[in-house]
Amino acid sequence: MAIQVEKLTRSFSYSGLTLPDPGEGLSLEEVRDVFSIQFPEIVSAAIEGPERKGNKLVFTIRKAVGAKG
C-alpha cells in the first residue's frame, strides 16, 4: 500500500461567509487582522478550529460577545 500525500488548504468561515486564505504564511492572528479591514467587528474575534472538510481546513471566526463598559 502506497502512502498518499494530500495538501490541505486553509479556509475561513465568518457569519455564513466562506473566506479564502489571504496568505499561507500568515498566522491566524495576521489573517484576522487582514479580514478586520473588511469586517471591523472581528478585531477581537476568536478563531476556532480547524475542522477538516474535504481537502480544506476550515477555521471559524467568532465575534467576541460581551457588554460594553
Protein backbone atom coordinates (compact mmCIF):
# COMPACT_ATOMS: atom_id res chain seq x y z
CA MET A 1 0.00 0.00 0.00
CA ALA A 2 1.40 3.38 -1.02
CA ILE A 3 1.21 6.45 1.17
CA GLN A 4 -0.75 9.25 -0.42
CA VAL A 5 0.12 12.84 0.46
CA GLU A 6 -2.69 15.36 0.20
CA LYS A 7 -2.20 19.10 0.61
CA LEU A 8 -4.86 20.72 2.75
CA THR A 9 -5.69 24.37 2.18
CA ARG A 10 -6.99 26.77 4.81
CA SER A 11 -10.36 28.41 4.55
CA PHE A 12 -12.12 30.74 6.97
CA SER A 13 -15.80 30.92 7.86
CA TYR A 14 -17.39 34.08 9.23
CA SER A 15 -21.08 34.87 9.62
CA GLY A 16 -22.13 32.38 6.94
CA LEU A 17 -19.41 33.50 4.52
CA THR A 18 -16.53 31.38 3.29
CA LEU A 19 -13.36 33.45 3.07
CA PRO A 20 -10.23 32.31 1.21
CA ASP A 21 -6.83 32.15 2.87
CA PRO A 22 -5.19 35.57 2.28
CA GLY A 23 -1.73 34.05 2.61
CA GLU A 24 -0.35 30.63 3.55
CA GLY A 25 2.48 32.17 5.55
CA LEU A 26 0.22 34.31 7.74
CA SER A 27 -0.55 33.33 11.32
CA LEU A 28 -4.19 33.10 12.40
CA GLU A 29 -3.90 36.48 14.14
CA GLU A 30 -2.48 38.06 10.98
CA VAL A 31 -5.35 36.56 8.95
CA ARG A 32 -7.83 38.07 11.42
CA ASP A 33 -6.10 41.45 11.01
CA VAL A 34 -6.39 41.22 7.22
CA PHE A 35 -10.10 40.38 7.39
CA SER A 36 -10.76 43.10 10.02
CA ILE A 37 -10.20 45.71 7.30
CA GLN A 38 -13.38 44.47 5.61
CA PHE A 39 -15.12 43.32 8.81
CA PRO A 40 -14.06 45.73 11.62
CA GLU A 41 -16.19 43.90 14.19
CA ILE A 42 -13.79 40.92 14.22
CA VAL A 43 -10.77 42.82 15.56
CA SER A 44 -11.11 40.98 18.88
CA ALA A 45 -12.75 37.84 17.49
CA ALA A 46 -11.72 34.31 18.39
CA ILE A 47 -10.59 31.86 15.72
CA GLU A 48 -11.70 28.28 16.34
CA GLY A 49 -10.73 25.07 14.63
CA PRO A 50 -9.66 23.82 12.26
CA GLU A 51 -12.32 21.41 11.11
CA ARG A 52 -11.44 19.23 8.13
CA LYS A 53 -13.94 19.43 5.26
CA GLY A 54 -12.73 17.52 2.23
CA ASN A 55 -9.31 18.89 1.32
CA LYS A 56 -9.76 22.09 3.37
CA LEU A 57 -9.05 23.01 6.94
CA VAL A 58 -11.86 25.37 7.92
CA PHE A 59 -11.30 27.86 10.74
CA THR A 60 -14.33 29.62 12.20
CA ILE A 61 -14.11 33.29 13.18
CA ARG A 62 -16.46 34.16 16.07
CA LYS A 63 -17.07 37.70 17.27
CA ALA A 64 -16.41 38.36 20.93
CA VAL A 65 -19.67 38.59 22.85
CA GLY A 66 -19.90 40.81 25.86
CA ALA A 67 -21.18 44.02 27.32
CA LYS A 68 -19.55 47.38 26.69
CA GLY A 69 -18.36 49.49 29.55
